[in-house]
N, C-alpha and C. Protein backbone atom coordinates (compact mmCIF):
# COMPACT_ATOMS: atom_id res chain seq x y z
N UNK A 1 121.01 100.89 104.32
CA UNK A 1 119.89 101.73 104.65
C UNK A 1 118.99 101.86 103.42
N UNK A 2 117.70 101.85 103.64
CA UNK A 2 116.74 101.99 102.55
C UNK A 2 115.89 103.24 102.77
N UNK A 3 115.44 103.81 101.68
CA UNK A 3 114.62 105.01 101.72
C UNK A 3 113.37 104.81 100.86
N UNK A 4 112.39 105.62 101.12
CA UNK A 4 111.18 105.64 100.30
C UNK A 4 111.19 106.91 99.47
N UNK A 5 110.96 106.78 98.19
CA UNK A 5 110.83 107.93 97.30
C UNK A 5 109.35 108.14 97.01
N UNK A 6 108.89 109.34 97.19
CA UNK A 6 107.50 109.66 96.87
C UNK A 6 107.51 110.74 95.81
N UNK A 7 106.87 110.48 94.69
CA UNK A 7 106.77 111.43 93.60
C UNK A 7 105.38 112.04 93.65
N UNK A 8 105.31 113.32 93.79
CA UNK A 8 104.03 114.02 93.89
C UNK A 8 103.74 114.70 92.56
N UNK A 9 102.59 114.42 92.00
CA UNK A 9 102.18 115.02 90.73
C UNK A 9 101.15 116.12 90.97
N UNK A 10 101.33 117.22 90.29
CA UNK A 10 100.35 118.30 90.36
C UNK A 10 99.12 117.93 89.54
N UNK A 11 98.08 118.68 89.69
CA UNK A 11 96.87 118.46 88.89
C UNK A 11 97.20 118.60 87.40
N UNK A 12 98.06 119.55 87.07
CA UNK A 12 98.46 119.74 85.66
C UNK A 12 99.25 118.53 85.15
N UNK A 13 100.11 117.96 86.01
CA UNK A 13 100.86 116.76 85.62
C UNK A 13 99.92 115.60 85.34
N UNK A 14 98.96 115.40 86.24
CA UNK A 14 97.99 114.32 86.06
C UNK A 14 97.22 114.51 84.76
N UNK A 15 96.84 115.75 84.46
CA UNK A 15 96.11 116.05 83.23
C UNK A 15 96.96 115.70 82.01
N UNK A 16 98.26 115.99 82.06
CA UNK A 16 99.14 115.62 80.93
C UNK A 16 99.18 114.12 80.72
N UNK A 17 99.20 113.37 81.81
CA UNK A 17 99.24 111.92 81.72
C UNK A 17 97.94 111.31 81.23
N UNK A 18 96.85 112.07 81.30
CA UNK A 18 95.55 111.58 80.88
C UNK A 18 95.11 112.11 79.52
N UNK A 19 95.74 113.16 79.05
CA UNK A 19 95.38 113.77 77.76
C UNK A 19 95.99 112.94 76.62
N UNK A 20 95.16 112.43 75.72
CA UNK A 20 95.69 111.60 74.63
C UNK A 20 96.77 112.31 73.80
N UNK A 21 96.73 113.63 73.74
CA UNK A 21 97.72 114.36 72.94
C UNK A 21 99.09 114.43 73.64
N UNK A 22 99.10 114.45 74.96
CA UNK A 22 100.36 114.60 75.70
C UNK A 22 100.78 113.37 76.48
N UNK A 23 99.86 112.42 76.65
CA UNK A 23 100.15 111.24 77.48
C UNK A 23 101.35 110.42 76.99
N UNK A 24 101.49 110.15 75.69
CA UNK A 24 102.63 109.32 75.28
C UNK A 24 103.99 109.91 75.68
N UNK A 25 104.18 111.20 75.49
CA UNK A 25 105.45 111.83 75.86
C UNK A 25 105.62 111.88 77.37
N UNK A 26 104.54 112.18 78.06
CA UNK A 26 104.57 112.25 79.53
C UNK A 26 105.01 110.91 80.12
N UNK A 27 104.34 109.82 79.69
CA UNK A 27 104.67 108.50 80.24
C UNK A 27 106.00 107.99 79.75
N UNK A 28 106.41 108.36 78.55
CA UNK A 28 107.73 107.95 78.05
C UNK A 28 108.83 108.56 78.91
N UNK A 29 108.65 109.82 79.31
CA UNK A 29 109.64 110.47 80.18
C UNK A 29 109.70 109.79 81.54
N UNK A 30 108.54 109.50 82.11
CA UNK A 30 108.51 108.80 83.41
C UNK A 30 109.14 107.42 83.29
N UNK A 31 108.80 106.68 82.25
CA UNK A 31 109.37 105.34 82.08
C UNK A 31 110.88 105.38 81.93
N UNK A 32 111.39 106.36 81.22
CA UNK A 32 112.84 106.50 81.06
C UNK A 32 113.50 106.81 82.41
N UNK A 33 112.90 107.70 83.18
CA UNK A 33 113.44 108.10 84.48
C UNK A 33 113.45 106.92 85.45
N UNK A 34 112.30 106.26 85.59
CA UNK A 34 112.21 105.13 86.51
C UNK A 34 113.07 103.97 86.02
N UNK A 35 113.08 103.75 84.71
CA UNK A 35 113.92 102.69 84.16
C UNK A 35 115.40 102.91 84.44
N UNK A 36 115.84 104.15 84.38
CA UNK A 36 117.24 104.47 84.68
C UNK A 36 117.56 104.19 86.15
N UNK A 37 116.62 104.49 87.04
CA UNK A 37 116.85 104.21 88.46
C UNK A 37 116.88 102.71 88.74
N UNK A 38 115.98 101.94 88.09
CA UNK A 38 116.03 100.49 88.23
C UNK A 38 117.34 99.95 87.66
N UNK A 39 117.73 100.45 86.49
CA UNK A 39 118.96 100.01 85.84
C UNK A 39 120.20 100.27 86.67
N UNK A 40 120.19 101.36 87.42
CA UNK A 40 121.33 101.72 88.27
C UNK A 40 121.30 100.98 89.61
N UNK A 41 120.23 100.22 89.85
CA UNK A 41 120.13 99.50 91.11
C UNK A 41 119.65 100.36 92.28
N UNK A 42 119.17 101.55 91.99
CA UNK A 42 118.70 102.45 93.03
C UNK A 42 117.36 102.01 93.59
N UNK A 43 116.51 101.48 92.72
CA UNK A 43 115.15 101.11 93.11
C UNK A 43 115.05 99.59 93.25
N UNK A 44 114.46 99.14 94.37
CA UNK A 44 114.23 97.71 94.58
C UNK A 44 112.85 97.31 94.08
N UNK A 45 111.87 98.14 94.33
CA UNK A 45 110.50 97.85 93.91
C UNK A 45 109.73 99.15 93.84
N UNK A 46 108.54 99.09 93.30
CA UNK A 46 107.75 100.32 93.21
C UNK A 46 106.27 100.03 93.03
N UNK A 47 105.47 100.75 93.74
CA UNK A 47 104.03 100.65 93.64
C UNK A 47 103.44 102.05 93.69
N UNK A 48 102.42 102.26 92.90
CA UNK A 48 101.76 103.55 92.91
C UNK A 48 100.80 103.68 94.09
N UNK A 49 100.56 104.88 94.48
CA UNK A 49 99.58 105.15 95.52
C UNK A 49 98.23 105.38 94.88
N UNK A 50 97.20 105.48 95.69
CA UNK A 50 95.87 105.74 95.18
C UNK A 50 95.75 107.19 94.71
N UNK A 51 94.68 107.46 93.96
CA UNK A 51 94.39 108.81 93.50
C UNK A 51 94.21 109.76 94.69
N UNK A 52 94.45 111.04 94.46
CA UNK A 52 94.29 112.04 95.52
C UNK A 52 92.90 112.01 96.15
N UNK A 53 91.89 111.77 95.33
CA UNK A 53 90.51 111.78 95.83
C UNK A 53 90.28 110.69 96.89
N UNK A 54 91.12 109.67 96.92
CA UNK A 54 90.97 108.61 97.90
C UNK A 54 91.52 109.00 99.27
N UNK A 55 92.27 110.08 99.33
CA UNK A 55 92.87 110.52 100.58
C UNK A 55 91.87 111.24 101.49
N UNK A 56 92.25 111.38 102.73
CA UNK A 56 91.41 112.11 103.68
C UNK A 56 92.31 112.77 104.71
N UNK A 57 91.74 113.62 105.48
CA UNK A 57 92.47 114.27 106.57
C UNK A 57 91.74 113.96 107.87
N UNK A 58 92.46 114.01 108.93
CA UNK A 58 91.87 113.76 110.24
C UNK A 58 92.38 114.83 111.19
N UNK A 59 91.50 115.65 111.65
CA UNK A 59 91.88 116.71 112.60
C UNK A 59 91.88 116.12 114.01
N UNK A 60 92.98 116.32 114.71
CA UNK A 60 93.04 115.86 116.09
C UNK A 60 92.65 117.00 117.01
N UNK A 61 91.85 116.73 117.96
CA UNK A 61 91.37 117.80 118.83
C UNK A 61 91.60 117.57 120.22
């Protein structure tokens, strides 16, 4: 059985990843986490989703 993992980042998280002062530590932590999952054989592949601004909602009526 396979599952999809979705990691949701808050606006503050995104800001940390974009701030030159905090980005290296932020991305190092993510790389270590994802690397450990790949190393353990938990993850087969991974692709990022688009930015939040690219999303939309559709109201059904």
